[in-house]
C-alpha cells in the first residue's frame, strides 16, 4: 500500500524535528495552520524564532528539495508567520525562515533561506 502524501509529509517533518532538536533547536509547534497558510515547524534557536519549511525528495532528478520553496510558497509562509506571531504572542530578537532539505537520507538546514520582504 502506498503512503499518502500527507502521511509522508508528517513523517519527514518528524524526522526534521528530531534532527533540529539534535542541532539545538527547541520545537515549539508542528503543522501550524491558519487561513493564510501552513508552517511545518516553528522552533527557537537561541534568540531566533524560526519558521521552518520541510522539503523531501528521494533523488535530485527534479532538483534539490529547497528549490521547491518558490516565491509563492514563501509568501504563504510569511503570511502564516504573521498569524502565528499574533496568536502565540511569541517573539525573538530575530525572526528567521529556514528550510530543511531531506534528500534521500541526507538532511541539510538552510538558515535564512529567505527573508520577510514581499
Protein backbone atom coordinates (compact mmCIF):
# COMPACT_ATOMS: atom_id res chain seq x y z
CA UNK A 1 0.00 0.00 0.00
CA UNK A 2 1.33 3.41 -0.99
CA UNK A 3 1.82 6.07 1.70
CA UNK A 4 -0.39 9.17 1.31
CA UNK A 5 1.39 12.46 0.66
CA UNK A 6 0.09 13.98 3.91
CA UNK A 7 1.27 10.97 5.91
CA UNK A 8 4.65 11.10 4.16
CA UNK A 9 4.87 14.83 4.90
CA UNK A 10 4.20 14.29 8.60
CA UNK A 11 6.81 11.53 8.69
CA UNK A 12 9.51 13.74 7.18
CA UNK A 13 8.50 16.66 9.39
CA UNK A 14 9.07 14.34 12.36
CA UNK A 15 12.48 13.37 11.02
CA UNK A 16 13.33 17.05 10.53
CA UNK A 17 12.12 17.93 14.05
CA UNK A 18 14.31 15.21 15.58
CA UNK A 19 17.29 16.38 13.53
CA UNK A 20 16.75 20.01 14.55
CA UNK A 21 16.49 19.08 18.24
CA UNK A 22 19.90 17.44 17.85
CA UNK A 23 21.17 20.73 16.40
CA UNK A 24 19.96 22.68 19.45
CA UNK A 25 16.57 23.88 18.20
CA UNK A 26 13.57 23.82 20.54
CA UNK A 27 10.47 22.74 18.59
CA UNK A 28 7.53 24.93 19.62
CA UNK A 29 4.87 23.88 17.14
CA UNK A 30 4.35 21.33 14.37
CA UNK A 31 1.96 21.86 11.45
CA UNK A 32 0.71 25.30 12.40
CA UNK A 33 -2.33 26.04 10.22
CA UNK A 34 -4.32 29.21 9.73
CA UNK A 35 -6.43 30.67 6.91
CA UNK A 36 -3.27 32.24 5.42
CA UNK A 37 -1.32 29.02 5.12
CA UNK A 38 0.71 26.45 6.97
CA UNK A 39 4.09 26.29 8.66
CA UNK A 40 5.66 22.85 9.02
CA UNK A 41 7.70 23.64 12.13
CA UNK A 42 8.08 26.61 14.44
CA UNK A 43 11.19 26.48 16.58
CA UNK A 44 13.54 28.54 18.66
CA UNK A 45 17.28 28.51 18.13
CA UNK A 46 18.98 30.78 20.63
CA UNK A 47 17.29 34.19 20.33
CA UNK A 48 15.80 33.39 16.91
CA UNK A 49 12.21 32.34 16.32
CA UNK A 50 12.36 30.12 13.23
CA UNK A 51 9.60 29.30 10.77
CA UNK A 52 10.70 26.14 9.02
CA UNK A 53 9.58 24.53 5.77
CA UNK A 54 10.48 20.85 5.35
CA UNK A 55 11.05 19.53 1.82
CA UNK A 56 11.83 15.93 0.86
CA UNK A 57 12.90 14.37 -2.41
CA UNK A 58 14.15 10.86 -2.99
CA UNK A 59 16.62 12.00 -5.66
CA UNK A 60 17.94 15.09 -7.44
CA UNK A 61 16.12 14.17 -10.65
CA UNK A 62 13.80 17.15 -10.26
CA UNK A 63 16.26 19.44 -8.47
CA UNK A 64 17.09 19.99 -4.84
CA UNK A 65 14.21 19.92 -2.33
CA UNK A 66 14.73 23.54 -1.24
CA UNK A 67 14.18 24.73 -4.81
CA UNK A 68 10.51 23.79 -4.37
CA UNK A 69 10.10 26.65 -1.88
CA UNK A 70 9.28 29.15 -4.57
CA UNK A 71 8.18 32.77 -4.24
CA UNK A 72 4.50 31.83 -3.90
CA UNK A 73 5.24 29.29 -1.14
CA UNK A 74 7.44 31.84 0.64
CA UNK A 75 4.57 34.35 0.62
CA UNK A 76 2.19 31.80 2.18
CA UNK A 77 4.74 31.01 4.89
CA UNK A 78 5.29 34.73 5.60
CA UNK A 79 1.54 35.36 5.91
CA UNK A 80 1.13 32.34 8.19
CA UNK A 81 4.06 33.52 10.33
CA UNK A 82 2.31 36.84 10.94
CA UNK A 83 -0.79 34.96 12.14
CA UNK A 84 1.37 32.77 14.35
CA UNK A 85 3.05 35.79 15.93
CA UNK A 86 -0.31 37.43 16.61
CA UNK A 87 -1.80 34.26 18.15
CA UNK A 88 1.16 32.89 20.06
CA UNK A 89 2.49 36.19 21.38
CA UNK A 90 5.96 34.72 20.92
CA UNK A 91 8.85 36.58 19.60
CA UNK A 92 12.56 36.70 19.50
CA UNK A 93 15.32 39.12 18.80
CA UNK A 94 15.44 37.61 15.34
CA UNK A 95 12.78 36.09 13.08
CA UNK A 96 14.08 33.62 10.57
CA UNK A 97 12.79 31.50 7.71
CA UNK A 98 14.67 28.22 7.39
CA UNK A 99 14.27 25.26 5.05
CA UNK A 100 15.14 21.70 5.95
CA UNK A 101 16.08 19.72 2.84
CA UNK A 102 15.84 15.98 3.04
CA UNK A 103 17.36 14.28 0.00
CA UNK A 104 17.22 10.53 0.35
CA UNK A 105 18.76 10.03 3.79
CA UNK A 106 20.75 13.30 3.84
CA UNK A 107 19.47 16.27 5.82
CA UNK A 108 20.57 19.87 5.46
CA UNK A 109 19.32 23.00 7.21
CA UNK A 110 19.30 26.18 5.14
CA UNK A 111 19.22 29.00 7.68
CA UNK A 112 17.78 32.31 6.45
CA UNK A 113 16.61 30.57 3.27
CA UNK A 114 14.52 33.64 2.50
CA UNK A 115 13.66 36.93 4.17
CA UNK A 116 10.49 38.68 5.19
CA UNK A 117 10.38 41.18 2.30
CA UNK A 118 7.47 40.85 -0.09
